Protein backbone atom coordinates (compact mmCIF):
# COMPACT_ATOMS: atom_id res chain seq x y z
CA MET A 1 18.07 7.71 39.61
CA SER A 2 14.99 8.62 37.57
CA GLY A 3 15.40 8.58 33.80
CA TYR A 4 14.16 12.01 32.98
CA LYS A 5 16.29 15.13 32.86
CA LYS A 6 15.31 18.21 34.88
CA LEU A 7 15.44 21.81 33.71
CA TYR A 8 18.00 23.83 35.71
CA ARG A 9 19.57 27.26 35.31
CA SER A 10 23.19 26.76 34.30
CA ARG A 11 25.87 28.06 36.65
CA GLU A 12 28.10 28.80 33.65
CA GLY A 13 25.70 30.91 31.61
CA MET A 14 26.18 34.50 30.59
CA VAL A 15 23.10 36.11 32.03
CA PHE A 16 21.46 34.05 34.81
CA GLY A 17 22.18 30.82 32.78
CA VAL A 18 18.65 30.50 31.39
CA CYS A 19 19.62 29.92 27.73
CA MET A 20 22.33 27.43 28.67
CA GLY A 21 19.88 25.64 30.96
CA PHE A 22 17.43 25.25 28.08
CA ALA A 23 20.25 24.10 25.78
CA ASP A 24 21.34 21.48 28.29
CA PHE A 25 17.79 20.30 28.79
CA PHE A 26 17.06 19.92 25.05
CA ALA A 27 20.66 18.73 24.27
CA ILE A 28 21.37 21.39 21.69
CA ARG A 29 24.11 23.89 21.36
CA VAL A 30 23.63 27.05 23.46
CA LEU A 31 24.39 29.22 20.40
CA TRP A 32 21.11 28.14 18.76
CA VAL A 33 19.10 28.85 21.90
CA ARG A 34 20.64 32.33 22.12
CA VAL A 35 20.02 32.98 18.41
CA ALA A 36 16.41 31.94 18.79
CA PHE A 37 16.04 34.17 21.86
CA LEU A 38 17.57 37.16 20.06
CA VAL A 39 15.35 36.61 16.97
CA ALA A 40 12.25 36.38 19.23
CA PHE A 41 13.51 39.38 21.18
CA VAL A 42 13.78 41.56 18.09
CA LEU A 43 10.55 40.34 16.45
CA SER A 44 8.43 40.70 19.59
CA GLY A 45 9.21 44.36 20.03
CA PHE A 46 11.59 43.82 22.96
CA TRP A 47 9.32 44.11 25.94
CA PRO A 48 7.62 40.73 26.37
CA LEU A 49 10.79 38.67 26.40
CA ILE A 50 12.62 40.64 29.12
CA PRO A 51 9.98 39.89 31.80
CA LEU A 52 9.67 36.28 30.58
CA TYR A 53 13.42 35.83 30.77
CA LEU A 54 13.52 37.27 34.31
CA ILE A 55 10.59 35.12 35.39
CA ALA A 56 12.38 32.03 33.94
CA ALA A 57 15.54 33.01 35.86
CA LEU A 58 13.54 33.24 39.09
CA LEU A 59 11.55 30.04 38.58
CA MET A 60 14.31 27.78 37.36
CA LYS A 61 16.38 26.18 40.10
CA PRO A 62 20.15 26.48 39.83
CA GLU A 63 22.04 23.51 38.50
CA PRO A 64 23.50 21.28 41.22
CA VAL A 65 27.19 21.74 41.79
CA LEU A 66 27.79 17.96 41.83
CA ASP A 67 25.95 15.28 39.87
CA LEU A 68 23.09 13.74 41.76
CA ALA A 69 23.70 9.95 41.81
CA THR A 70 20.61 8.74 43.64
CA ASP A 71 16.95 9.67 44.06
CA ASP A 72 17.65 10.52 47.72
CA GLU A 73 20.31 13.04 46.71
CA SER A 74 17.98 14.49 44.09
CA GLU A 75 15.10 14.77 46.60
CA PHE A 76 17.40 16.43 49.15
CA TYR A 77 18.72 18.92 46.54
CA GLU A 78 15.18 19.81 45.50
CA SER A 79 14.15 20.32 49.11
CA TYR A 80 17.25 22.39 49.81
CA VAL A 81 16.70 24.64 46.82
CA SER A 82 13.02 25.04 47.57
CA SER A 83 13.40 25.74 51.27
CA ARG A 84 16.69 25.73 53.06
CA SER A 85 15.07 25.78 56.51
CA LEU A 86 13.08 22.65 55.74
CA ALA A 87 16.20 20.92 54.47
CA LEU A 88 18.00 21.97 57.64
CA HIS A 89 15.21 20.57 59.80
CA ARG A 90 15.37 17.34 57.82
CA LEU A 91 19.11 17.05 58.37
CA LYS A 92 18.70 17.80 62.06
CA ARG A 93 15.97 15.13 62.42
CA GLN A 94 18.22 12.57 60.77
CA PHE A 95 21.12 13.54 63.02
CA ASP A 96 18.93 13.22 66.11
CA MET A 97 17.77 9.79 65.06
CA LEU A 98 21.30 8.66 64.48
CA ASP A 99 22.38 10.13 67.79
CA ARG A 100 19.62 8.26 69.62
CA ARG A 101 20.69 4.98 67.92
CA ILE A 102 24.30 5.51 68.95
CA GLN A 103 23.27 6.28 72.52
CA ARG A 104 21.22 3.05 72.66
CA MET A 105 24.20 1.09 71.35
CA GLU A 106 26.49 2.69 73.86
CA ASP A 107 24.02 1.97 76.68
CA ALA A 108 23.84 -1.63 75.59
CA VAL A 109 27.59 -2.08 75.31
CA THR A 110 28.40 -0.36 78.62
CA SER A 111 25.61 -2.06 80.63
CA LYS A 112 26.42 -4.65 83.30
CA ASP A 113 24.30 -7.23 81.49
CA PHE A 114 26.53 -6.95 78.43
CA THR A 115 29.63 -7.59 80.53
CA TRP A 116 28.08 -10.63 82.20
CA GLU A 117 26.96 -12.01 78.86
CA GLN A 118 30.51 -11.65 77.52
CA LYS A 119 31.93 -13.47 80.50
CA PHE A 120 29.46 -16.32 80.17
CA ARG A 121 30.33 -16.70 76.47
CA GLU A 122 34.02 -17.12 77.36
């Protein structure tokens, strides 16, 4: 998998998981992120940080439930979080391709030519 870490909203955070997501991303304790947020919140006069926090909560994708082991898993998760319908179409397309391959294999195995070839090999 790629060597860089992605920024996700934590599923275990207090309010939307934004602070914990930043703490995980920067590998620091969540306490310090929350303290920095509260200090900025008080010093900014309250109003600018509330919309910024909500925008961050909306833009940050939720953390995957399971660890993503490969780039394919990561790509699928990103597509699923971005658009579930596109991810569903992608899965359906893969299923259809596999189904066609299995049908071709079944046709080959159950054909008369296959039976004759087996008899000649014996």
